[in-house]
Amino acid sequence: MALLKIQQLNPLFEDVQLNRVFPDGKTFVDCLPRFSAEEIIASYNKQKKESGFSLLKFVTEHFDLPVPHSNGYKSDQSKNVESNIEGLWSVLTREPDKKGGSLIALPYPYVVPGGRFGEIYYWDSYFTMLGLKASGKTEMVENMVRNFSYLIDTLGYIPNGNRSYFIGRSQPPFYSLMIKLLGELKGEKVLAVYLPQLVKEHRFWMKGVDSINEINKAKYHVVRMPGGEILNRYCDENNTARPESYREDIELSHQSSQDPQILYSHLRAGAESGWDFSSRWFKEKKSFETIHTTDIVPVDLNCLLYQHEQIIAQAYLLNEDNKKADTYLLLSEKRKKAIDKYCWNNKTGFYFDYDWTTAEQKKSLTIAGVAPLFLNLASKEQARTVATVIEENFIRPGGVVTTLEETGQQWDAPNGWAPLQWMTITGLENYGYTSLAKEIAVRWIKLNTAVFKRTGKLMEKYNVVDTHLEAGGGEYEGQDGFGWTNGVLVALIKKYGLCD
């Protein structure tokens, strides 16, 4: 059956989501329709008027519900965590898709996160691929790259995930790092092979750059900074409530003084950031309703785009096209200077996001400030003070905490996340802070292993403050699986020769 946007099946969609037929709003938009849209709506308009009508029964009769992607897998807690992860790779693998429901079909096998996430996710996948590489699964690494390249070729960019309701936004741009990772396995010629897709994705992030000026300072993902420099922000092209979190967005709009369309734009941009959600995006630290993501120039996003431009230049050099290589090197150098100018705080000795609407740095310390070390933009002196700030503010018994704020949001304290541990550890290693990096790795491995021994699960996120408690917060329950946790954990165990 052709791609169907369930959110367009109104009034059925709104009735299901607002009446909380399913505890998780993602369930309905992931359902597979058994009939055409016209047949479903005609049946609904007729049946809902009948006495004893059950909305849940109607949905289960007209749709196949999604099944958690576990294939009945149960961990063997008598084995070590690394052995269990090796067994999980096949459990979390999906074969090439057939079109149907909201799923965007992909031509090659891929690894999903697990739990409620039965589709591929953009930035998750890079960290999953680290583990696939460590496990010797080169073919799957290449398949993942091929799928993302396919999405760039067909949509012009990589969406948040391969679902129709994610069209309109991307996620942190790790594609160039995926190509670099594959190049480590198959040789640097890989960069030239995927150069067309690298350029296309860069074009997506820079769309609108020729139409911004002193009056119209932002368009799509690009922002004109006070000095005329160009940096980037997160921005979804839509301004409606997210289909997969429809009820939550509508309810928040009732609490917020912001125009609903503006609020929804900020929420969608927050989802694009991968940090959904965090006080990092709020005007008032404890107030979700003050979210203003599109006003913010994130330090990590711009470091990733710096890396993207550097890798495009490297690919052009492999093609012996020095002129185009110089063009992208110049773009990357301009971006690096702008990151320093607007995101570096000399007094604090750390990197911050920047609010382009007020022309001020944001004040919250977040572990996103390690991105310039992870991607080698920082000077030795900057790295030294960043390492000090991390040691004094972010390290907890289980690793590094995401922010210093406790708000009930999942991308705030007390939670820690695998990708941010990897970025912090790698960033510190890049500048010679090996003992501090290893200490964080040891704490993270110990926490992951302890939770696995206790529960038999590898989780999406962890409580790094009180390692005896489960992580919480966010719009859904904690998920087991889990792609990027597995990837980072295996990569760290092999990197440091550690085991549980």
Protein backbone atom coordinates (compact mmCIF):
# COMPACT_ATOMS: atom_id res chain seq x y z
CA MET A 1 0.00 0.00 0.00
CA ALA A 2 1.30 3.46 -0.89
CA LEU A 3 2.77 5.88 1.63
CA LEU A 4 -0.09 7.17 3.78
CA LYS A 5 0.04 10.14 6.10
CA ILE A 6 -2.24 8.98 8.90
CA GLN A 7 -2.30 12.53 10.26
CA GLN A 8 -4.35 13.51 7.22
CA LEU A 9 -7.12 11.04 8.16
CA ASN A 10 -9.25 13.57 9.97
CA PRO A 11 -11.34 13.63 12.05
CA LEU A 12 -10.12 10.12 12.92
CA PHE A 13 -6.52 11.17 13.56
CA GLU A 14 -7.41 13.96 16.01
CA ASP A 15 -9.97 11.80 17.79
CA VAL A 16 -7.46 8.99 18.31
CA GLN A 17 -4.62 11.21 19.46
CA LEU A 18 -6.55 13.65 21.64
CA ASN A 19 -8.53 10.87 23.34
CA ARG A 20 -5.29 9.01 24.06
CA VAL A 21 -6.49 5.74 22.55
CA PHE A 22 -2.85 4.64 22.88
CA PRO A 23 -0.57 5.76 25.73
CA ASP A 24 2.15 6.62 23.21
CA GLY A 25 1.18 9.06 20.43
CA LYS A 26 3.68 7.41 18.10
CA THR A 27 1.69 4.17 18.02
CA PHE A 28 -1.12 5.36 15.75
CA VAL A 29 1.08 7.11 13.17
CA ASP A 30 3.14 3.92 12.90
CA CYS A 31 0.09 1.75 12.23
CA LEU A 32 -0.24 0.03 8.87
CA PRO A 33 -3.66 0.72 7.26
CA ARG A 34 -5.54 -2.29 5.94
CA PHE A 35 -7.69 -0.22 3.60
CA SER A 36 -7.42 2.96 1.52
CA ALA A 37 -7.74 6.37 3.16
CA GLU A 38 -11.12 6.90 1.51
CA GLU A 39 -12.49 3.59 2.78
CA ILE A 40 -11.23 4.19 6.32
CA ILE A 41 -12.73 7.67 6.59
CA ALA A 42 -16.04 6.59 5.06
CA SER A 43 -16.29 3.72 7.55
CA TYR A 44 -15.34 5.97 10.44
CA ASN A 45 -17.88 8.68 9.64
CA LYS A 46 -20.57 6.01 9.45
CA GLN A 47 -19.65 3.83 12.42
CA LYS A 48 -18.87 6.55 14.97
CA LYS A 49 -22.56 7.52 15.00
CA GLU A 50 -23.63 4.03 16.01
CA SER A 51 -24.41 3.20 19.65
CA GLY A 52 -21.67 1.34 21.50
CA PHE A 53 -19.01 2.54 19.08
CA SER A 54 -15.45 1.85 20.29
CA LEU A 55 -12.67 4.00 18.87
CA LEU A 56 -10.02 1.47 19.90
CA LYS A 57 -11.92 -1.38 18.27
CA PHE A 58 -12.32 0.64 15.08
CA VAL A 59 -8.58 1.32 14.90
CA THR A 60 -7.60 -2.31 15.53
CA GLU A 61 -10.05 -3.45 12.83
CA HIS A 62 -8.74 -1.00 10.22
CA PHE A 63 -5.01 -0.90 11.07
CA ASP A 64 -2.22 -3.30 11.96
CA LEU A 65 -0.54 -2.02 15.11
CA PRO A 66 3.28 -1.70 15.26
CA VAL A 67 5.12 -4.43 17.14
CA PRO A 68 8.25 -3.62 19.20
CA HIS A 69 11.26 -4.64 17.13
CA SER A 70 12.60 -7.39 19.38
CA ASN A 71 11.51 -10.63 17.71
CA GLY A 72 10.91 -12.09 21.17
CA TYR A 73 14.56 -11.58 22.13
CA LYS A 74 15.47 -12.04 25.78
CA SER A 75 18.92 -11.16 27.09
CA ASP A 76 21.07 -13.83 28.69
CA GLN A 77 22.32 -12.15 31.86
CA SER A 78 24.74 -14.99 32.50
CA LYS A 79 26.75 -13.70 29.52
CA ASN A 80 28.75 -10.50 29.55
CA VAL A 81 27.24 -7.38 28.05
CA GLU A 82 29.49 -7.42 24.98
CA SER A 83 28.35 -10.92 24.02
CA ASN A 84 24.74 -9.86 24.39
CA ILE A 85 25.27 -6.87 22.12
CA GLU A 86 26.83 -9.11 19.48
CA GLY A 87 23.59 -11.11 19.58
CA LEU A 88 21.44 -7.99 19.47
CA TRP A 89 22.74 -6.74 16.11
CA SER A 90 20.68 -9.30 14.20
CA VAL A 91 17.64 -8.66 16.41
CA LEU A 92 17.75 -4.95 15.62
CA THR A 93 18.32 -5.44 11.89
CA ARG A 94 15.54 -4.69 9.43
CA GLU A 95 15.59 -5.99 5.90
CA PRO A 96 14.83 -3.72 2.89
CA ASP A 97 11.31 -2.34 3.16
CA LYS A 98 8.15 -2.54 1.16
CA LYS A 99 6.13 0.66 0.94
CA GLY A 100 3.33 0.89 3.43
CA GLY A 101 1.83 3.17 6.06
CA SER A 102 4.10 5.99 7.20
CA LEU A 103 7.33 4.04 6.64
CA ILE A 104 9.64 5.36 3.90
CA ALA A 105 11.01 2.25 2.21
CA LEU A 106 14.78 1.84 2.15
CA PRO A 107 16.70 -0.35 -0.32
CA TYR A 108 19.29 -1.90 2.02
CA PRO A 109 19.22 -3.61 5.45
CA TYR A 110 19.66 -1.35 8.47
CA VAL A 111 19.82 -1.38 12.26
CA VAL A 112 17.07 0.33 14.27
CA PRO A 113 17.36 1.64 17.85
CA GLY A 114 14.77 -0.79 19.28
CA GLY A 115 11.71 -0.50 21.52
CA ARG A 116 9.21 2.00 20.12
CA PHE A 117 11.72 2.96 17.44
CA GLY A 118 11.25 0.51 14.57
CA GLU A 119 12.71 2.81 11.92
CA ILE A 120 16.15 4.22 11.22
CA TYR A 121 17.15 7.53 12.87
CA TYR A 122 19.73 9.89 11.50
CA TRP A 123 22.16 10.85 14.23
CA ASP A 124 21.49 7.69 16.26
CA SER A 125 22.85 5.68 13.38
CA TYR A 126 26.37 7.13 13.47
CA PHE A 127 26.83 5.94 17.05
CA THR A 128 25.27 2.58 16.22
CA MET A 129 27.75 2.33 13.33
CA LEU A 130 30.67 2.83 15.72
CA GLY A 131 29.67 -0.45 17.34
CA LEU A 132 29.05 -2.17 14.03
CA LYS A 133 32.56 -1.20 12.99
CA ALA A 134 33.97 -2.48 16.30
CA SER A 135 32.05 -5.73 15.78
CA GLY A 136 33.54 -6.18 12.30
CA LYS A 137 30.23 -5.63 10.50
CA THR A 138 31.61 -3.62 7.59
CA GLU A 139 28.82 -4.63 5.21
CA MET A 140 26.14 -3.26 7.53
CA VAL A 141 28.08 0.00 7.99
CA GLU A 142 28.12 0.35 4.22
CA ASN A 143 24.42 -0.53 3.94
CA MET A 144 23.58 2.20 6.43
CA VAL A 145 25.59 4.72 4.40
CA ARG A 146 23.86 3.57 1.21
CA ASN A 147 20.43 4.05 2.79
CA PHE A 148 21.22 7.57 3.94
CA SER A 149 22.66 8.36 0.51
CA TYR A 150 19.43 7.06 -1.02
CA LEU A 151 17.42 9.42 1.19
CA ILE A 152 19.58 12.37 0.15
CA ASP A 153 19.12 11.46 -3.51
CA THR A 154 15.34 11.02 -3.22
CA LEU A 155 14.39 13.71 -0.69
CA GLY A 156 17.33 16.09 -0.95
CA TYR A 157 18.28 15.51 2.69
CA ILE A 158 18.21 12.91 5.46
CA PRO A 159 15.00 13.21 7.47
CA ASN A 160 14.77 12.74 11.25
CA GLY A 161 13.82 9.10 10.51
CA ASN A 162 12.37 7.13 7.61
CA ARG A 163 8.75 8.00 8.38
CA SER A 164 6.52 10.30 6.34
CA TYR A 165 5.67 12.37 9.42
CA PHE A 166 9.36 13.27 9.79
CA ILE A 167 9.53 14.88 6.35
CA GLY A 168 10.34 18.56 6.81
CA ARG A 169 13.14 18.18 9.31
CA SER A 170 16.49 16.45 9.61
CA GLN A 171 18.72 15.75 12.63
CA PRO A 172 22.30 16.60 13.65
CA PRO A 173 24.25 16.16 10.37
CA PHE A 174 26.52 13.19 11.00
CA TYR A 175 26.49 11.97 7.39
CA SER A 176 30.02 13.23 6.68
CA LEU A 177 31.27 11.42 9.78
CA MET A 178 29.55 8.24 8.58
CA ILE A 179 31.42 8.56 5.27
CA LYS A 180 34.64 9.14 7.18
CA LEU A 181 33.94 6.04 9.29
CA LEU A 182 33.32 3.95 6.18
CA GLY A 183 36.52 5.39 4.71
CA GLU A 184 38.44 4.02 7.70
CA LEU A 185 37.19 0.57 6.70
CA LYS A 186 37.39 0.76 2.92
CA GLY A 187 39.90 3.52 2.17
CA GLU A 188 39.58 7.28 1.73
CA LYS A 189 38.40 6.88 -1.88
CA VAL A 190 34.96 6.40 -0.30
CA LEU A 191 34.83 10.17 0.28
CA ALA A 192 34.93 10.82 -3.46
CA VAL A 193 32.30 8.13 -4.13
CA TYR A 194 29.78 9.90 -1.89
CA LEU A 195 30.82 13.45 -2.79
CA PRO A 196 27.58 14.18 -4.73
CA GLN A 197 25.50 13.33 -1.66
CA LEU A 198 27.79 15.26 0.67
CA VAL A 199 27.29 18.36 -1.49
CA LYS A 200 23.52 17.84 -1.70
CA GLU A 201 23.19 17.61 2.07
CA HIS A 202 25.29 20.73 2.54
CA ARG A 203 23.01 22.49 0.07
CA PHE A 204 20.00 21.49 2.19
CA TRP A 205 21.48 23.00 5.34
CA MET A 206 22.46 26.19 3.46
CA LYS A 207 19.15 26.63 1.64
CA GLY A 208 18.04 30.28 1.75
CA VAL A 209 21.53 31.68 2.32
CA ASP A 210 21.22 34.03 -0.69
CA SER A 211 17.98 35.58 0.56
CA ILE A 212 18.94 36.62 4.08
CA ASN A 213 20.12 40.15 4.88
CA GLU A 214 20.21 42.71 7.69
CA ILE A 215 16.39 42.89 7.73
CA ASN A 216 15.54 39.22 7.11
CA LYS A 217 18.18 37.62 9.28
CA ALA A 218 17.09 33.99 9.15
CA LYS A 219 15.56 31.61 6.65
CA TYR A 220 15.22 27.84 6.93
CA HIS A 221 18.42 26.66 8.65
CA VAL A 222 20.63 29.70 7.94
CA VAL A 223 21.14 32.76 10.13
CA ARG A 224 22.92 36.03 9.40
CA MET A 225 24.93 36.92 12.49
CA PRO A 226 25.45 40.51 13.74
CA GLY A 227 28.78 40.79 11.91
CA GLY A 228 27.36 39.41 8.67
CA GLU A 229 28.71 35.87 9.17
CA ILE A 230 26.55 32.89 8.27
CA LEU A 231 25.81 30.20 10.84
CA ASN A 232 23.05 27.61 11.20
CA ARG A 233 20.12 26.75 13.41
CA TYR A 234 17.58 23.93 13.67
CA CYS A 235 14.35 24.56 11.78
CA ASP A 236 11.52 22.34 10.53
CA GLU A 237 9.69 23.56 7.42
CA ASN A 238 6.33 22.84 9.11
CA ASN A 239 4.58 24.74 11.89
CA THR A 240 1.87 22.33 13.02
CA ALA A 241 1.72 19.99 16.02
CA ARG A 242 3.93 16.94 15.53
CA PRO A 243 1.78 13.95 14.47
CA GLU A 244 3.71 11.55 16.71
CA SER A 245 3.29 13.85 19.75
CA TYR A 246 0.08 15.56 18.71
CA ARG A 247 -1.72 15.59 22.05
CA GLU A 248 1.38 16.71 23.96
CA ASP A 249 1.96 19.63 21.55
CA ILE A 250 -1.68 20.72 21.67
CA GLU A 251 -1.70 20.61 25.48
CA LEU A 252 1.53 22.61 25.68
CA SER A 253 0.05 25.23 23.35
CA HIS A 254 -2.73 25.76 25.92
CA GLN A 255 -0.09 26.54 28.57
CA SER A 256 2.11 28.77 26.44
CA SER A 257 1.70 32.46 25.66
CA GLN A 258 3.35 31.87 22.27
CA ASP A 259 1.32 31.73 19.09
CA PRO A 260 0.66 27.99 18.51
CA GLN A 261 2.31 27.98 15.08
CA ILE A 262 5.46 29.59 16.50
CA LEU A 263 5.45 27.18 19.43
CA TYR A 264 5.09 24.20 17.08
CA SER A 265 7.99 25.50 14.99
CA HIS A 266 10.18 25.60 18.09
CA LEU A 267 9.05 22.11 19.16
CA ARG A 268 9.78 20.66 15.73
CA ALA A 269 13.20 22.35 15.67
CA GLY A 270 13.87 20.88 19.11
CA ALA A 271 13.03 17.45 17.71
CA GLU A 272 15.40 18.08 14.81
CA SER A 273 18.19 18.84 17.29
CA GLY A 274 17.95 15.34 18.75
CA TRP A 275 17.78 16.97 22.20
CA ASP A 276 14.02 16.61 22.52
CA PHE A 277 13.67 18.17 24.96
CA SER A 278 16.02 20.21 27.13
CA SER A 279 16.23 23.44 29.12
CA ARG A 280 18.92 24.25 26.57
CA TRP A 281 16.10 25.43 24.29
CA PHE A 282 14.06 27.34 26.91
CA LYS A 283 14.01 31.05 27.68
CA GLU A 284 13.19 30.20 31.30
CA LYS A 285 15.12 27.16 32.50
CA LYS A 286 12.19 25.38 34.13
CA SER A 287 9.46 26.37 31.65
CA PHE A 288 8.89 24.10 28.66
CA GLU A 289 6.32 26.52 27.28
CA THR A 290 9.10 29.11 26.74
CA ILE A 291 10.89 26.92 24.21
CA HIS A 292 12.50 29.01 21.45
CA THR A 293 14.75 26.64 19.53
CA THR A 294 14.72 28.47 16.19
CA ASP A 295 16.11 31.57 17.92
CA ILE A 296 19.23 29.66 18.88
CA VAL A 297 22.47 29.05 16.97
CA PRO A 298 23.71 25.75 18.47
CA VAL A 299 27.44 25.28 18.88
CA ASP A 300 27.38 21.55 18.10
CA LEU A 301 25.34 21.91 14.90
CA ASN A 302 27.79 24.42 13.52
CA CYS A 303 30.79 22.28 14.47
CA LEU A 304 29.22 19.37 12.59
CA LEU A 305 28.76 21.58 9.52
CA TYR A 306 32.36 22.74 9.83
CA GLN A 307 33.37 19.08 9.70
CA HIS A 308 31.03 18.52 6.76
CA GLU A 309 32.67 21.33 4.80
CA GLN A 310 36.14 20.00 5.65
CA ILE A 311 35.25 16.52 4.39
CA ILE A 312 33.73 17.89 1.17
CA ALA A 313 36.99 19.75 0.60
CA GLN A 314 38.95 16.54 1.23
CA ALA A 315 36.76 14.68 -1.27
CA TYR A 316 37.33 17.36 -3.93
CA LEU A 317 41.08 17.10 -3.35
CA LEU A 318 40.84 13.36 -4.00
CA ASN A 319 39.18 14.29 -7.31
CA GLU A 320 42.01 16.76 -7.94
CA ASP A 321 39.56 19.64 -8.04
CA ASN A 322 41.58 22.11 -6.00
CA LYS A 323 39.37 25.08 -6.81
CA LYS A 324 36.23 23.55 -5.32
CA ALA A 325 38.24 22.17 -2.43
CA ASP A 326 39.43 25.70 -1.64
CA THR A 327 35.83 26.97 -1.78
CA TYR A 328 34.72 24.58 0.96
CA LEU A 329 37.87 25.05 3.01
CA LEU A 330 37.19 28.78 3.00
CA LEU A 331 33.59 28.18 4.12
CA SER A 332 34.81 25.97 6.95
CA GLU A 333 37.40 28.51 8.10
CA LYS A 334 34.82 31.30 8.11
CA ARG A 335 32.50 29.08 10.12
CA LYS A 336 35.25 28.23 12.60
CA LYS A 337 35.99 31.92 13.20
CA ALA A 338 32.28 32.65 13.65
CA ILE A 339 31.91 29.80 16.16
CA ASP A 340 34.79 31.25 18.14
CA LYS A 341 33.35 34.75 17.94
CA TYR A 342 29.80 33.93 18.99
CA CYS A 343 29.98 30.70 20.99
CA TRP A 344 33.25 30.90 22.92
CA ASN A 345 33.13 32.52 26.37
CA ASN A 346 36.60 33.47 27.54
CA LYS A 347 35.49 34.25 31.09
CA THR A 348 33.87 30.84 31.62
CA GLY A 349 36.35 28.99 29.43
CA PHE A 350 33.59 27.09 27.66
CA TYR A 351 31.41 27.09 24.54
CA PHE A 352 27.77 28.21 24.59
CA ASP A 353 24.84 28.42 22.18
CA TYR A 354 23.94 31.86 20.85
CA ASP A 355 20.57 33.60 20.68
CA TRP A 356 20.61 35.47 17.38
CA THR A 357 17.35 37.35 18.18
CA THR A 358 18.86 39.05 21.25
CA ALA A 359 22.48 38.97 20.02
CA GLU A 360 23.56 37.30 23.27
CA GLN A 361 25.10 34.01 24.30
CA LYS A 362 22.85 31.61 26.14
CA LYS A 363 23.92 31.22 29.75
CA SER A 364 23.27 27.52 30.41
CA LEU A 365 26.21 25.15 30.58
CA THR A 366 25.51 22.07 28.46
CA ILE A 367 27.75 19.21 27.37
CA ALA A 368 27.18 20.38 23.77
CA GLY A 369 30.10 22.68 24.54
CA VAL A 370 32.46 19.75 24.02
CA ALA A 371 31.66 19.63 20.27
CA PRO A 372 34.59 21.88 19.24
CA LEU A 373 36.95 19.38 20.91
CA PHE A 374 35.18 16.41 19.35
CA LEU A 375 35.56 17.96 15.89
CA ASN A 376 38.98 19.59 16.48
CA LEU A 377 38.03 23.27 16.26
CA ALA A 378 39.34 24.32 19.65
CA SER A 379 42.78 25.71 20.38
CA LYS A 380 44.95 23.94 22.96
CA GLU A 381 44.16 26.64 25.51
CA GLN A 382 40.43 26.45 24.85
CA ALA A 383 40.55 22.67 25.20
CA ARG A 384 42.37 23.02 28.51
CA THR A 385 39.65 25.17 30.08
CA VAL A 386 36.84 23.09 28.54
CA ALA A 387 38.39 19.99 30.13
CA THR A 388 38.48 21.80 33.47
CA VAL A 389 34.83 22.83 33.20
CA ILE A 390 33.83 19.26 32.33
CA GLU A 391 35.77 17.86 35.27
CA GLU A 392 34.39 20.42 37.71
CA ASN A 393 30.77 20.54 36.50
CA PHE A 394 29.68 17.59 34.37
CA ILE A 395 31.28 14.39 35.67
CA ARG A 396 28.98 12.21 37.75
CA PRO A 397 29.28 8.64 39.06
CA GLY A 398 27.93 7.21 35.78
CA GLY A 399 29.59 9.48 33.22
CA VAL A 400 28.84 13.03 32.11
CA VAL A 401 25.48 14.66 32.68
CA THR A 402 23.78 16.43 29.76
CA THR A 403 23.02 19.77 31.45
CA LEU A 404 23.18 21.04 35.02
CA GLU A 405 19.42 21.62 35.23
CA GLU A 406 16.80 19.22 36.60
CA THR A 407 13.58 20.02 34.76
CA GLY A 408 11.90 16.68 34.13
CA GLN A 409 13.02 16.85 30.49
CA GLN A 410 14.97 13.82 29.31
CA TRP A 411 17.89 15.84 27.88
CA ASP A 412 18.60 17.46 31.24
CA ALA A 413 20.06 16.21 34.52
CA PRO A 414 20.24 13.59 35.89
CA ASN A 415 20.38 11.84 32.51
CA GLY A 416 23.37 10.88 30.43
CA TRP A 417 23.27 9.69 26.82
CA ALA A 418 25.63 7.46 24.84
CA PRO A 419 26.35 9.91 21.97
CA LEU A 420 27.32 12.67 24.38
CA GLN A 421 29.62 10.34 26.33
CA TRP A 422 31.37 9.40 23.08
CA MET A 423 31.71 13.00 21.93
CA THR A 424 33.10 14.03 25.33
CA ILE A 425 35.53 11.12 25.60
CA THR A 426 36.74 11.51 22.01
CA GLY A 427 37.02 15.29 22.35
CA LEU A 428 39.18 14.99 25.45
CA GLU A 429 41.33 12.31 23.81
CA ASN A 430 41.83 14.57 20.77
CA TYR A 431 43.61 17.11 22.97
CA GLY A 432 45.58 14.74 25.16
CA TYR A 433 43.30 14.56 28.22
CA THR A 434 43.47 10.78 28.15
CA SER A 435 43.13 10.05 31.86
CA LEU A 436 40.00 12.18 32.16
CA ALA A 437 38.56 10.63 29.00
CA LYS A 438 39.24 7.12 30.29
CA GLU A 439 37.69 7.93 33.67
CA ILE A 440 34.44 8.95 31.97
CA ALA A 441 34.55 5.82 29.80
CA VAL A 442 35.08 3.58 32.82
CA ARG A 443 32.17 5.16 34.68
CA TRP A 444 29.86 4.83 31.65
CA ILE A 445 30.81 1.20 30.99
CA LYS A 446 30.34 0.35 34.66
CA LEU A 447 26.88 1.98 34.70
CA ASN A 448 25.71 0.32 31.48
CA THR A 449 26.94 -3.03 32.71
CA ALA A 450 25.36 -2.71 36.15
CA VAL A 451 21.97 -1.81 34.66
CA PHE A 452 22.26 -4.75 32.26
CA LYS A 453 23.10 -7.17 35.08
CA ARG A 454 20.18 -5.79 37.10
CA THR A 455 17.56 -5.65 34.36
CA GLY A 456 18.83 -7.54 31.31
CA LYS A 457 18.39 -4.34 29.31
CA LEU A 458 20.52 -1.87 27.40
CA MET A 459 18.73 1.43 27.70
CA GLU A 460 18.26 4.52 25.56
CA LYS A 461 19.50 6.78 28.37
CA TYR A 462 20.83 6.44 31.91
CA ASN A 463 20.70 8.22 35.25
CA VAL A 464 24.35 9.14 35.70
CA VAL A 465 23.80 10.91 39.02
CA ASP A 466 22.20 8.09 41.03
CA THR A 467 23.30 4.94 39.25
CA HIS A 468 20.81 2.82 41.20
CA LEU A 469 17.84 4.65 39.66
CA GLU A 470 16.45 4.41 36.14
CA ALA A 471 16.55 7.43 33.83
CA GLY A 472 13.29 9.33 33.42
CA GLY A 473 11.66 12.37 31.87
CA GLY A 474 10.44 13.03 28.36
CA GLU A 475 7.35 12.19 26.36
CA TYR A 476 7.57 8.39 26.56
CA GLU A 477 8.85 5.60 28.80
CA GLY A 478 12.49 4.54 28.77
CA GLN A 479 13.30 2.30 25.84
CA ASP A 480 15.30 -0.90 25.64
CA GLY A 481 17.42 -2.03 22.71
CA PHE A 482 19.33 0.13 22.17
CA GLY A 483 21.19 1.03 19.02
CA TRP A 484 23.44 3.89 20.04
CA THR A 485 24.01 2.56 23.56
CA ASN A 486 25.14 -0.78 22.09
CA GLY A 487 27.37 0.96 19.55
CA VAL A 488 29.13 3.29 21.95
CA LEU A 489 29.48 0.64 24.66
CA VAL A 490 31.13 -1.92 22.35
CA ALA A 491 33.37 0.75 20.82
CA LEU A 492 34.50 1.95 24.27
CA ILE A 493 35.09 -1.57 25.59
CA LYS A 494 37.30 -2.34 22.59
CA LYS A 495 38.99 1.08 22.59
CA TYR A 496 40.12 0.84 26.20
CA GLY A 497 40.45 -2.95 26.45
CA LEU A 498 37.86 -2.99 29.21
CA CYS A 499 35.20 -5.58 29.88
CA ASP A 500 32.55 -6.21 32.51
